[in-house]
Amino acid sequence: LATLPASIQTLAGMVAAAPISLLMGRM
């Protein structure tokens, strides 16, 4: 499980990428 934090970090990128792009598209 040692790489789990790094894996979750990339998971966060997947979750956040589209909402952040849409936020930038509006604001």
mmCIF file of all heavy atoms, coordinates in Angstrom:
data_MODEL
# 
_entry.id   MODEL 
# 
loop_
_atom_site.group_PDB 
_atom_site.id 
_atom_site.type_symbol 
_atom_site.label_atom_id 
_atom_site.label_alt_id 
_atom_site.label_comp_id 
_atom_site.label_asym_id 
_atom_site.label_entity_id 
_atom_site.label_seq_id 
_atom_site.pdbx_PDB_ins_code 
_atom_site.Cartn_x 
_atom_site.Cartn_y 
_atom_site.Cartn_z 
_atom_site.occupancy 
_atom_site.B_iso_or_equiv 
_atom_site.pdbx_formal_charge 
_atom_site.auth_seq_id 
_atom_site.auth_comp_id 
_atom_site.auth_asym_id 
_atom_site.auth_atom_id 
_atom_site.pdbx_PDB_model_num 
ATOM 1   N N   . LEU A 1 1  ? 0.811   -1.217 0.000   1.00 0.00 ? 1  LEU A N   1 
ATOM 2   C CA  . LEU A 1 1  ? 0.000   0.000  0.000   1.00 0.00 ? 1  LEU A CA  1 
ATOM 3   C C   . LEU A 1 1  ? 0.846   1.270  0.000   1.00 0.00 ? 1  LEU A C   1 
ATOM 4   O O   . LEU A 1 1  ? 0.300   2.370  0.075   1.00 0.00 ? 1  LEU A O   1 
ATOM 5   C CB  . LEU A 1 1  ? -0.922  0.008  1.221   1.00 0.00 ? 1  LEU A CB  1 
ATOM 6   C CG  . LEU A 1 1  ? -1.963  -1.115 1.307   1.00 0.00 ? 1  LEU A CG  1 
ATOM 7   C CD1 . LEU A 1 1  ? -2.724  -1.032 2.622   1.00 0.00 ? 1  LEU A CD1 1 
ATOM 8   C CD2 . LEU A 1 1  ? -2.919  -1.038 0.131   1.00 0.00 ? 1  LEU A CD2 1 
ATOM 9   N N   . ALA A 1 2  ? 2.158   1.127  -0.114  1.00 0.00 ? 2  ALA A N   1 
ATOM 10  C CA  . ALA A 1 2  ? 3.037   2.292  0.002   1.00 0.00 ? 2  ALA A CA  1 
ATOM 11  C C   . ALA A 1 2  ? 2.765   3.338  -1.074  1.00 0.00 ? 2  ALA A C   1 
ATOM 12  O O   . ALA A 1 2  ? 2.904   4.542  -0.833  1.00 0.00 ? 2  ALA A O   1 
ATOM 13  C CB  . ALA A 1 2  ? 4.488   1.850  -0.050  1.00 0.00 ? 2  ALA A CB  1 
ATOM 14  N N   . THR A 1 3  ? 2.386   2.905  -2.269  1.00 0.00 ? 3  THR A N   1 
ATOM 15  C CA  . THR A 1 3  ? 2.132   3.865  -3.352  1.00 0.00 ? 3  THR A CA  1 
ATOM 16  C C   . THR A 1 3  ? 0.680   4.353  -3.368  1.00 0.00 ? 3  THR A C   1 
ATOM 17  O O   . THR A 1 3  ? 0.311   5.107  -4.276  1.00 0.00 ? 3  THR A O   1 
ATOM 18  C CB  . THR A 1 3  ? 2.452   3.242  -4.726  1.00 0.00 ? 3  THR A CB  1 
ATOM 19  O OG1 . THR A 1 3  ? 1.622   2.093  -4.931  1.00 0.00 ? 3  THR A OG1 1 
ATOM 20  C CG2 . THR A 1 3  ? 3.916   2.829  -4.811  1.00 0.00 ? 3  THR A CG2 1 
ATOM 21  N N   . LEU A 1 4  ? -0.119  3.951  -2.386  1.00 0.00 ? 4  LEU A N   1 
ATOM 22  C CA  . LEU A 1 4  ? -1.522  4.358  -2.374  1.00 0.00 ? 4  LEU A CA  1 
ATOM 23  C C   . LEU A 1 4  ? -1.699  5.876  -2.302  1.00 0.00 ? 4  LEU A C   1 
ATOM 24  O O   . LEU A 1 4  ? -2.548  6.424  -3.022  1.00 0.00 ? 4  LEU A O   1 
ATOM 25  C CB  . LEU A 1 4  ? -2.271  3.683  -1.220  1.00 0.00 ? 4  LEU A CB  1 
ATOM 26  C CG  . LEU A 1 4  ? -3.780  3.921  -1.167  1.00 0.00 ? 4  LEU A CG  1 
ATOM 27  C CD1 . LEU A 1 4  ? -4.455  3.414  -2.439  1.00 0.00 ? 4  LEU A CD1 1 
ATOM 28  C CD2 . LEU A 1 4  ? -4.395  3.247  0.070   1.00 0.00 ? 4  LEU A CD2 1 
ATOM 29  N N   . PRO A 1 5  ? -0.941  6.618  -1.469  1.00 0.00 ? 5  PRO A N   1 
ATOM 30  C CA  . PRO A 1 5  ? -1.103  8.077  -1.482  1.00 0.00 ? 5  PRO A CA  1 
ATOM 31  C C   . PRO A 1 5  ? -0.846  8.688  -2.850  1.00 0.00 ? 5  PRO A C   1 
ATOM 32  O O   . PRO A 1 5  ? -1.599  9.567  -3.300  1.00 0.00 ? 5  PRO A O   1 
ATOM 33  C CB  . PRO A 1 5  ? -0.067  8.546  -0.454  1.00 0.00 ? 5  PRO A CB  1 
ATOM 34  C CG  . PRO A 1 5  ? 0.102   7.399  0.469   1.00 0.00 ? 5  PRO A CG  1 
ATOM 35  C CD  . PRO A 1 5  ? -0.016  6.178  -0.406  1.00 0.00 ? 5  PRO A CD  1 
ATOM 36  N N   . ALA A 1 6  ? 0.204   8.230  -3.534  1.00 0.00 ? 6  ALA A N   1 
ATOM 37  C CA  . ALA A 1 6  ? 0.489   8.745  -4.874  1.00 0.00 ? 6  ALA A CA  1 
ATOM 38  C C   . ALA A 1 6  ? -0.608  8.352  -5.857  1.00 0.00 ? 6  ALA A C   1 
ATOM 39  O O   . ALA A 1 6  ? -0.964  9.125  -6.753  1.00 0.00 ? 6  ALA A O   1 
ATOM 40  C CB  . ALA A 1 6  ? 1.837   8.220  -5.355  1.00 0.00 ? 6  ALA A CB  1 
ATOM 41  N N   . SER A 1 7  ? -1.149  7.145  -5.683  1.00 0.00 ? 7  SER A N   1 
ATOM 42  C CA  . SER A 1 7  ? -2.229  6.690  -6.560  1.00 0.00 ? 7  SER A CA  1 
ATOM 43  C C   . SER A 1 7  ? -3.484  7.522  -6.342  1.00 0.00 ? 7  SER A C   1 
ATOM 44  O O   . SER A 1 7  ? -4.174  7.905  -7.295  1.00 0.00 ? 7  SER A O   1 
ATOM 45  C CB  . SER A 1 7  ? -2.523  5.203  -6.299  1.00 0.00 ? 7  SER A CB  1 
ATOM 46  O OG  . SER A 1 7  ? -1.376  4.416  -6.472  1.00 0.00 ? 7  SER A OG  1 
ATOM 47  N N   . ILE A 1 8  ? -3.784  7.809  -5.090  1.00 0.00 ? 8  ILE A N   1 
ATOM 48  C CA  . ILE A 1 8  ? -4.951  8.633  -4.767  1.00 0.00 ? 8  ILE A CA  1 
ATOM 49  C C   . ILE A 1 8  ? -4.745  10.052 -5.289  1.00 0.00 ? 8  ILE A C   1 
ATOM 50  O O   . ILE A 1 8  ? -5.695  10.725 -5.711  1.00 0.00 ? 8  ILE A O   1 
ATOM 51  C CB  . ILE A 1 8  ? -5.204  8.615  -3.250  1.00 0.00 ? 8  ILE A CB  1 
ATOM 52  C CG1 . ILE A 1 8  ? -5.766  7.250  -2.850  1.00 0.00 ? 8  ILE A CG1 1 
ATOM 53  C CG2 . ILE A 1 8  ? -6.148  9.731  -2.833  1.00 0.00 ? 8  ILE A CG2 1 
ATOM 54  C CD1 . ILE A 1 8  ? -5.993  7.073  -1.367  1.00 0.00 ? 8  ILE A CD1 1 
ATOM 55  N N   . GLN A 1 9  ? -3.505  10.504 -5.301  1.00 0.00 ? 9  GLN A N   1 
ATOM 56  C CA  . GLN A 1 9  ? -3.205  11.833 -5.850  1.00 0.00 ? 9  GLN A CA  1 
ATOM 57  C C   . GLN A 1 9  ? -3.580  11.910 -7.323  1.00 0.00 ? 9  GLN A C   1 
ATOM 58  O O   . GLN A 1 9  ? -4.161  12.898 -7.774  1.00 0.00 ? 9  GLN A O   1 
ATOM 59  C CB  . GLN A 1 9  ? -1.722  12.133 -5.647  1.00 0.00 ? 9  GLN A CB  1 
ATOM 60  C CG  . GLN A 1 9  ? -1.326  13.526 -6.068  1.00 0.00 ? 9  GLN A CG  1 
ATOM 61  C CD  . GLN A 1 9  ? 0.080   13.868 -5.618  1.00 0.00 ? 9  GLN A CD  1 
ATOM 62  O OE1 . GLN A 1 9  ? 0.394   13.807 -4.431  1.00 0.00 ? 9  GLN A OE1 1 
ATOM 63  N NE2 . GLN A 1 9  ? 0.934   14.233 -6.552  1.00 0.00 ? 9  GLN A NE2 1 
ATOM 64  N N   . THR A 1 10 ? -3.256  10.859 -8.082  1.00 0.00 ? 10 THR A N   1 
ATOM 65  C CA  . THR A 1 10 ? -3.641  10.853 -9.495  1.00 0.00 ? 10 THR A CA  1 
ATOM 66  C C   . THR A 1 10 ? -5.147  10.664 -9.649  1.00 0.00 ? 10 THR A C   1 
ATOM 67  O O   . THR A 1 10 ? -5.755  11.193 -10.586 1.00 0.00 ? 10 THR A O   1 
ATOM 68  C CB  . THR A 1 10 ? -2.896  9.749  -10.258 1.00 0.00 ? 10 THR A CB  1 
ATOM 69  O OG1 . THR A 1 10 ? -3.184  8.474  -9.682  1.00 0.00 ? 10 THR A OG1 1 
ATOM 70  C CG2 . THR A 1 10 ? -1.398  9.974  -10.219 1.00 0.00 ? 10 THR A CG2 1 
ATOM 71  N N   . LEU A 1 11 ? -5.772  9.926  -8.731  1.00 0.00 ? 11 LEU A N   1 
ATOM 72  C CA  . LEU A 1 11 ? -7.228  9.782  -8.740  1.00 0.00 ? 11 LEU A CA  1 
ATOM 73  C C   . LEU A 1 11 ? -7.894  11.139 -8.560  1.00 0.00 ? 11 LEU A C   1 
ATOM 74  O O   . LEU A 1 11 ? -8.879  11.465 -9.233  1.00 0.00 ? 11 LEU A O   1 
ATOM 75  C CB  . LEU A 1 11 ? -7.670  8.824  -7.631  1.00 0.00 ? 11 LEU A CB  1 
ATOM 76  C CG  . LEU A 1 11 ? -9.177  8.674  -7.412  1.00 0.00 ? 11 LEU A CG  1 
ATOM 77  C CD1 . LEU A 1 11 ? -9.839  8.040  -8.636  1.00 0.00 ? 11 LEU A CD1 1 
ATOM 78  C CD2 . LEU A 1 11 ? -9.466  7.846  -6.164  1.00 0.00 ? 11 LEU A CD2 1 
ATOM 79  N N   . ALA A 1 12 ? -7.337  11.948 -7.676  1.00 0.00 ? 12 ALA A N   1 
ATOM 80  C CA  . ALA A 1 12 ? -7.884  13.293 -7.465  1.00 0.00 ? 12 ALA A CA  1 
ATOM 81  C C   . ALA A 1 12 ? -7.806  14.122 -8.732  1.00 0.00 ? 12 ALA A C   1 
ATOM 82  O O   . ALA A 1 12 ? -8.716  14.902 -9.035  1.00 0.00 ? 12 ALA A O   1 
ATOM 83  C CB  . ALA A 1 12 ? -7.128  13.990 -6.339  1.00 0.00 ? 12 ALA A CB  1 
ATOM 84  N N   . GLY A 1 13 ? -6.717  13.936 -9.487  1.00 0.00 ? 13 GLY A N   1 
ATOM 85  C CA  . GLY A 1 13 ? -6.604  14.642 -10.754 1.00 0.00 ? 13 GLY A CA  1 
ATOM 86  C C   . GLY A 1 13 ? -7.721  14.277 -11.700 1.00 0.00 ? 13 GLY A C   1 
ATOM 87  O O   . GLY A 1 13 ? -8.244  15.136 -12.428 1.00 0.00 ? 13 GLY A O   1 
ATOM 88  N N   . MET A 1 14 ? -8.094  13.000 -11.705 1.00 0.00 ? 14 MET A N   1 
ATOM 89  C CA  . MET A 1 14 ? -9.186  12.553 -12.564 1.00 0.00 ? 14 MET A CA  1 
ATOM 90  C C   . MET A 1 14 ? -10.509 13.186 -12.136 1.00 0.00 ? 14 MET A C   1 
ATOM 91  O O   . MET A 1 14 ? -11.292 13.651 -12.965 1.00 0.00 ? 14 MET A O   1 
ATOM 92  C CB  . MET A 1 14 ? -9.295  11.022 -12.499 1.00 0.00 ? 14 MET A CB  1 
ATOM 93  C CG  . MET A 1 14 ? -10.434 10.451 -13.330 1.00 0.00 ? 14 MET A CG  1 
ATOM 94  S SD  . MET A 1 14 ? -10.691 8.679  -13.029 1.00 0.00 ? 14 MET A SD  1 
ATOM 95  C CE  . MET A 1 14 ? -11.329 8.714  -11.352 1.00 0.00 ? 14 MET A CE  1 
ATOM 96  N N   . VAL A 1 15 ? -10.741 13.227 -10.832 1.00 0.00 ? 15 VAL A N   1 
ATOM 97  C CA  . VAL A 1 15 ? -12.001 13.764 -10.317 1.00 0.00 ? 15 VAL A CA  1 
ATOM 98  C C   . VAL A 1 15 ? -12.098 15.272 -10.537 1.00 0.00 ? 15 VAL A C   1 
ATOM 99  O O   . VAL A 1 15 ? -13.153 15.805 -10.878 1.00 0.00 ? 15 VAL A O   1 
ATOM 100 C CB  . VAL A 1 15 ? -12.142 13.433 -8.811  1.00 0.00 ? 15 VAL A CB  1 
ATOM 101 C CG1 . VAL A 1 15 ? -13.362 14.125 -8.216  1.00 0.00 ? 15 VAL A CG1 1 
ATOM 102 C CG2 . VAL A 1 15 ? -12.239 11.919 -8.608  1.00 0.00 ? 15 VAL A CG2 1 
ATOM 103 N N   . ALA A 1 16 ? -10.964 15.960 -10.368 1.00 0.00 ? 16 ALA A N   1 
ATOM 104 C CA  . ALA A 1 16 ? -10.990 17.426 -10.372 1.00 0.00 ? 16 ALA A CA  1 
ATOM 105 C C   . ALA A 1 16 ? -10.811 18.043 -11.745 1.00 0.00 ? 16 ALA A C   1 
ATOM 106 O O   . ALA A 1 16 ? -11.176 19.210 -11.949 1.00 0.00 ? 16 ALA A O   1 
ATOM 107 C CB  . ALA A 1 16 ? -9.907  17.961 -9.433  1.00 0.00 ? 16 ALA A CB  1 
ATOM 108 N N   . ALA A 1 17 ? -10.252 17.312 -12.715 1.00 0.00 ? 17 ALA A N   1 
ATOM 109 C CA  . ALA A 1 17 ? -9.874  17.920 -13.997 1.00 0.00 ? 17 ALA A CA  1 
ATOM 110 C C   . ALA A 1 17 ? -11.041 18.604 -14.704 1.00 0.00 ? 17 ALA A C   1 
ATOM 111 O O   . ALA A 1 17 ? -10.940 19.774 -15.098 1.00 0.00 ? 17 ALA A O   1 
ATOM 112 C CB  . ALA A 1 17 ? -9.249  16.862 -14.905 1.00 0.00 ? 17 ALA A CB  1 
ATOM 113 N N   . ALA A 1 18 ? -12.133 17.900 -14.911 1.00 0.00 ? 18 ALA A N   1 
ATOM 114 C CA  . ALA A 1 18 ? -13.270 18.472 -15.639 1.00 0.00 ? 18 ALA A CA  1 
ATOM 115 C C   . ALA A 1 18 ? -13.938 19.610 -14.882 1.00 0.00 ? 18 ALA A C   1 
ATOM 116 O O   . ALA A 1 18 ? -14.191 20.677 -15.468 1.00 0.00 ? 18 ALA A O   1 
ATOM 117 C CB  . ALA A 1 18 ? -14.278 17.376 -15.978 1.00 0.00 ? 18 ALA A CB  1 
ATOM 118 N N   . PRO A 1 19 ? -14.240 19.459 -13.572 1.00 0.00 ? 19 PRO A N   1 
ATOM 119 C CA  . PRO A 1 19 ? -14.853 20.586 -12.864 1.00 0.00 ? 19 PRO A CA  1 
ATOM 120 C C   . PRO A 1 19 ? -13.984 21.844 -12.869 1.00 0.00 ? 19 PRO A C   1 
ATOM 121 O O   . PRO A 1 19 ? -14.494 22.953 -13.016 1.00 0.00 ? 19 PRO A O   1 
ATOM 122 C CB  . PRO A 1 19 ? -15.035 20.048 -11.439 1.00 0.00 ? 19 PRO A CB  1 
ATOM 123 C CG  . PRO A 1 19 ? -15.119 18.570 -11.596 1.00 0.00 ? 19 PRO A CG  1 
ATOM 124 C CD  . PRO A 1 19 ? -14.207 18.240 -12.740 1.00 0.00 ? 19 PRO A CD  1 
ATOM 125 N N   . ILE A 1 20 ? -12.657 21.671 -12.724 1.00 0.00 ? 20 ILE A N   1 
ATOM 126 C CA  . ILE A 1 20 ? -11.781 22.838 -12.727 1.00 0.00 ? 20 ILE A CA  1 
ATOM 127 C C   . ILE A 1 20 ? -11.765 23.494 -14.099 1.00 0.00 ? 20 ILE A C   1 
ATOM 128 O O   . ILE A 1 20 ? -11.780 24.728 -14.225 1.00 0.00 ? 20 ILE A O   1 
ATOM 129 C CB  . ILE A 1 20 ? -10.360 22.443 -12.287 1.00 0.00 ? 20 ILE A CB  1 
ATOM 130 C CG1 . ILE A 1 20 ? -10.350 22.139 -10.789 1.00 0.00 ? 20 ILE A CG1 1 
ATOM 131 C CG2 . ILE A 1 20 ? -9.360  23.550 -12.607 1.00 0.00 ? 20 ILE A CG2 1 
ATOM 132 C CD1 . ILE A 1 20 ? -9.037  21.622 -10.271 1.00 0.00 ? 20 ILE A CD1 1 
ATOM 133 N N   . SER A 1 21 ? -11.754 22.693 -15.165 1.00 0.00 ? 21 SER A N   1 
ATOM 134 C CA  . SER A 1 21 ? -11.783 23.250 -16.507 1.00 0.00 ? 21 SER A CA  1 
ATOM 135 C C   . SER A 1 21 ? -13.068 24.032 -16.753 1.00 0.00 ? 21 SER A C   1 
ATOM 136 O O   . SER A 1 21 ? -13.061 25.125 -17.328 1.00 0.00 ? 21 SER A O   1 
ATOM 137 C CB  . SER A 1 21 ? -11.630 22.142 -17.548 1.00 0.00 ? 21 SER A CB  1 
ATOM 138 O OG  . SER A 1 21 ? -11.566 22.666 -18.856 1.00 0.00 ? 21 SER A OG  1 
ATOM 139 N N   . LEU A 1 22 ? -14.191 23.481 -16.310 1.00 0.00 ? 22 LEU A N   1 
ATOM 140 C CA  . LEU A 1 22 ? -15.471 24.185 -16.462 1.00 0.00 ? 22 LEU A CA  1 
ATOM 141 C C   . LEU A 1 22 ? -15.502 25.456 -15.622 1.00 0.00 ? 22 LEU A C   1 
ATOM 142 O O   . LEU A 1 22 ? -16.067 26.476 -16.041 1.00 0.00 ? 22 LEU A O   1 
ATOM 143 C CB  . LEU A 1 22 ? -16.621 23.252 -16.081 1.00 0.00 ? 22 LEU A CB  1 
ATOM 144 C CG  . LEU A 1 22 ? -16.846 22.055 -17.021 1.00 0.00 ? 22 LEU A CG  1 
ATOM 145 C CD1 . LEU A 1 22 ? -17.927 21.142 -16.471 1.00 0.00 ? 22 LEU A CD1 1 
ATOM 146 C CD2 . LEU A 1 22 ? -17.222 22.538 -18.420 1.00 0.00 ? 22 LEU A CD2 1 
ATOM 147 N N   . LEU A 1 23 ? -14.910 25.400 -14.419 1.00 0.00 ? 23 LEU A N   1 
ATOM 148 C CA  . LEU A 1 23 ? -14.819 26.600 -13.587 1.00 0.00 ? 23 LEU A CA  1 
ATOM 149 C C   . LEU A 1 23 ? -14.013 27.679 -14.298 1.00 0.00 ? 23 LEU A C   1 
ATOM 150 O O   . LEU A 1 23 ? -14.394 28.856 -14.319 1.00 0.00 ? 23 LEU A O   1 
ATOM 151 C CB  . LEU A 1 23 ? -14.160 26.243 -12.250 1.00 0.00 ? 23 LEU A CB  1 
ATOM 152 C CG  . LEU A 1 23 ? -13.816 27.437 -11.344 1.00 0.00 ? 23 LEU A CG  1 
ATOM 153 C CD1 . LEU A 1 23 ? -15.094 28.083 -10.817 1.00 0.00 ? 23 LEU A CD1 1 
ATOM 154 C CD2 . LEU A 1 23 ? -12.924 27.000 -10.187 1.00 0.00 ? 23 LEU A CD2 1 
ATOM 155 N N   . MET A 1 24 ? -12.906 27.269 -14.907 1.00 0.00 ? 24 MET A N   1 
ATOM 156 C CA  . MET A 1 24 ? -12.095 28.234 -15.648 1.00 0.00 ? 24 MET A CA  1 
ATOM 157 C C   . MET A 1 24 ? -12.850 28.770 -16.861 1.00 0.00 ? 24 MET A C   1 
ATOM 158 O O   . MET A 1 24 ? -12.689 29.936 -17.233 1.00 0.00 ? 24 MET A O   1 
ATOM 159 C CB  . MET A 1 24 ? -10.788 27.570 -16.102 1.00 0.00 ? 24 MET A CB  1 
ATOM 160 C CG  . MET A 1 24 ? -9.808  27.284 -14.979 1.00 0.00 ? 24 MET A CG  1 
ATOM 161 S SD  . MET A 1 24 ? -8.284  26.528 -15.599 1.00 0.00 ? 24 MET A SD  1 
ATOM 162 C CE  . MET A 1 24 ? -7.274  26.521 -14.116 1.00 0.00 ? 24 MET A CE  1 
ATOM 163 N N   . GLY A 1 25 ? -13.666 27.912 -17.478 1.00 0.00 ? 25 GLY A N   1 
ATOM 164 C CA  . GLY A 1 25 ? -14.460 28.349 -18.615 1.00 0.00 ? 25 GLY A CA  1 
ATOM 165 C C   . GLY A 1 25 ? -15.474 29.415 -18.249 1.00 0.00 ? 25 GLY A C   1 
ATOM 166 O O   . GLY A 1 25 ? -15.856 30.238 -19.084 1.00 0.00 ? 25 GLY A O   1 
ATOM 167 N N   . ARG A 1 26 ? -15.911 29.433 -17.001 1.00 0.00 ? 26 ARG A N   1 
ATOM 168 C CA  . ARG A 1 26 ? -16.906 30.421 -16.556 1.00 0.00 ? 26 ARG A CA  1 
ATOM 169 C C   . ARG A 1 26 ? -16.278 31.610 -15.830 1.00 0.00 ? 26 ARG A C   1 
ATOM 170 O O   . ARG A 1 26 ? -16.699 32.750 -16.016 1.00 0.00 ? 26 ARG A O   1 
ATOM 171 C CB  . ARG A 1 26 ? -17.923 29.753 -15.618 1.00 0.00 ? 26 ARG A CB  1 
ATOM 172 C CG  . ARG A 1 26 ? -18.796 28.709 -16.295 1.00 0.00 ? 26 ARG A CG  1 
ATOM 173 C CD  . ARG A 1 26 ? -19.985 28.339 -15.431 1.00 0.00 ? 26 ARG A CD  1 
ATOM 174 N NE  . ARG A 1 26 ? -20.848 29.498 -15.206 1.00 0.00 ? 26 ARG A NE  1 
ATOM 175 C CZ  . ARG A 1 26 ? -21.926 29.494 -14.426 1.00 0.00 ? 26 ARG A CZ  1 
ATOM 176 N NH1 . ARG A 1 26 ? -22.273 28.388 -13.793 1.00 0.00 ? 26 ARG A NH1 1 
ATOM 177 N NH2 . ARG A 1 26 ? -22.653 30.576 -14.278 1.00 0.00 ? 26 ARG A NH2 1 
ATOM 178 N N   . MET A 1 27 ? -15.266 31.336 -14.982 1.00 0.00 ? 27 MET A N   1 
ATOM 179 C CA  . MET A 1 27 ? -14.731 32.382 -14.112 1.00 0.00 ? 27 MET A CA  1 
ATOM 180 C C   . MET A 1 27 ? -13.313 32.805 -14.476 1.00 0.00 ? 27 MET A C   1 
ATOM 181 O O   . MET A 1 27 ? -12.793 33.758 -13.889 1.00 0.00 ? 27 MET A O   1 
ATOM 182 C CB  . MET A 1 27 ? -14.770 31.910 -12.649 1.00 0.00 ? 27 MET A CB  1 
ATOM 183 C CG  . MET A 1 27 ? -16.156 31.574 -12.150 1.00 0.00 ? 27 MET A CG  1 
ATOM 184 S SD  . MET A 1 27 ? -16.174 31.081 -10.411 1.00 0.00 ? 27 MET A SD  1 
ATOM 185 C CE  . MET A 1 27 ? -15.618 32.586 -9.621  1.00 0.00 ? 27 MET A CE  1 
# 
